[in-house]
Structures are given as structure tokens and as C-alpha cells.
Amino acid sequence: MRIELSGPDISEAEKQAVVAVLSSGRLSLGPKVEEFERAVASYVGAKHAIACSSGTCGLHLLIRAIGVQPGDEVVTTPFSFVASSNCVLFEKGKPVFVDIEPDTWNIDPKAMGAAITSKTKALLPVDAFGQVAKMNEVLDLARKHKLRVIEDSCEALGSTYNGKRAGSLADAGVFGFYPNKQITTGEGGMITTNDDQIAAMCRSMRNQGRDTMSWLAHDRLGYNYRLSDINCAIGVVQMQRIEEILGKRNRVADWYKQRLGGESRVSFQRVIPECKLSWFVFVVKLADSYSEENRNTVIQRLRDAGIGCSNYFAPIHLQKFYREDLGYKQGQFPVCERVAARTIALPFHCHLTESQVDEVCATLKKLL
């Protein structure tokens, strides 16, 4: 691609930090892990931060930490990356999908409330594309029904809701640091929580179930979900640069909004007043007069022109094994399906130039 879909913002400082760790001889379970955890906890406003090898691993650890058992239900959204519901299946729980709002593209709290049963163990809202879900309504439901809430903020580092950071609003939150995220560690994730018990359980389970540093003492079933000091060294520098990085991403988003804001054939995700958005991706939705086939043709022709782009998201309930193993069908969540059939993620990263955004928008308009 001449214009890449995504890419990390890595400076010389991150490279030097990695070299320093390599020279130290402490590649794992060293001081950079705790330094990165402290930086994220302080930024988010959480008591604890627990580094892990991916956002998916963080979600899995939280599902175990809150005690989801086989048959327990977790209410969540089908308009997300597949990990947000796979984490429930890992423990033989049941992800219960409800539809999304047609404008915010986030889970519909009213539908969420209607889906709660005696088997419901937790609610798992997703901050889609960086927009925080309507957490006041979600938390009201949780209090009413005595449920736990996990906030999937993997795409929302830096976003706020009523002035509070994403990842600090529920029993626990999770961030992901894949290279297309706001900050990156290559691969990596972070759990944030104010709950001492959840934090202790997650720290133990990410490190093979150890409660002490005795290497061969294991108190519970655990995993190797650790994040290395090499990754965390990158994360420490990225957190030092986070406002710079978010500012660059906001500038690119503004360029797109200026050029596409008056285009009737596309629309943007509506950002609720309570949320200040930290930009993860720039996604447009084609008008309903366009079909999914039209959308796919536009994506292919953008790629043919050297412009990276993708559909975003594909509904989880229509993934092959969700249909075959869990019995989900087309038509069950029509709003999600209608939105997903028409979304296009355009090139979005810190290194995009204004002239490249001009080219992307002009080409998109021409194809439409």
C-alpha cells in the first residue's frame, strides 16, 4: 500500500529503551514491568494496573477473576473484535449478545437490561473505536441486578466519560497495545482496577498461578500471560509521549472530518456528549442505499489504488464457529448487521500527511 491503513509511532527514545533492557540482562520479570504498570495506573486513575501479553489475555484473566463458571451468562455486544466474547467461551460461559445503537455503534443499554436473566454473571460493554459506552446506564443495571462489569477499553486509552478515564469506570478495565492502538508495545495489554482481590488474582494467574516469587510454588491454575521488560520499556516511553501521540491522531481525524463532514453518502459514529474521544481508527459508514457488496467493491478499489482500508467490524455472531457451534443466525441483531455491512476503516495513524488524507477522501468520493 502506498498509504498504509495503520502504523505505530515509534521514536528514537523507544529504540534506546529497548537497547537498554537488552543490555541490562533483565528481559522479563524486571523493573520495566512495574514502571509501565505505574504509568498506566496513574494516567487512568486506577489503584492497580497489571501488564499482560495482550488485551485478549487481560479479558480472559478478568473473566476468571470475577468467577464466571460454565453456563454463566455475560451480556455483551456483537459489534466488536472477537476477543471480547471469546474470553467468555474460554471459561465455558455464554456470551449473550444484544444489539447496538444505530448512531453511537455502542451497545444499547436498554437491550442490555432486557437480556439480563437469573444466569447473568456480568456485563461486558465495549468502547467501540474509542468511544466509551453509556456507562452510567450500564452501572445502574449492574447495581440493580448485583452484577460485575468489565469494561473492554482495548481501543479507548485516553478517552474520558464525564471526566473519568476509560478503564476506571467499572470493576475492571482492559487495554490493548497492538501496533494499531493509540500506544503500542508490539503485543501487550493492561488490566486496570481498584479492586484489590481482582488485582491479586490477575497478577497470580498471569504468572502461572504463583502467589509468591517462589518459581515452583503454584497456588492456582494460571497461565504464562506475562509481558516482557522489552515490551514494557517501549510502553514506558509511549506513555511519556501519549499526549503528543493523541494530539497527532486528533489532527488526522480533524482533516478527515473537514473533508468528509459534508458528504451525504457517508456518516460518522456519533460521539455522545459525556465522552471525549481518543481516536483509535477513523471509520465511516456508507449510506443505507449502498449494499454490503457495494462497500466491498469500494474497499477493493481503494486497495487497488494503493490505499489501505478494511471493513470494521464483522459481526461476531456471524463468525463461522459462532454460527455453527452456538447457533447464531443472520437477522438476530439487525442494527449491528446493517452498520457492519457498510463500514470502512480509512488509513489512520500519526504519520499520515494532509495531502494523503486529501487523496484518500478524493478517491473515496470518486468511487462512491
Foldseek 3Di string as FASTA:
>chain_A
DQFAQFFFDDDVQLVVLLVVCVVVPAWFPDDLQVLLFVLLCVQQVFPGKHKFQWLLLVLLLLCVLLPQAAAAEEEEALQDPLSLQVSCVVRNYHYDHAAPDLFQRWRDLVRSLVPDDPRYAAYETECPQQFFDPLVSRVVSCVVVVHFYEYERQQHQPKFFQRHGPQERTQKYKHWAPRLHLHHLNGIMMMGHRDPSSNQSSNLQCLQQDNDPPNPDHDDGHHVGGDISSSSSSSSVCSVCNVVSQVLQVVLLVLLCVLCVPPPQKDFRDHDPRMDGRGRFGKIFGPLVDFLVLQVVLQVVCVVVVWHKDQHDQGNCPPPCNCVVVPRDPPPHVSSNSRSSGMMTGRGGSPDDSVNSVVRSVSSVVSD
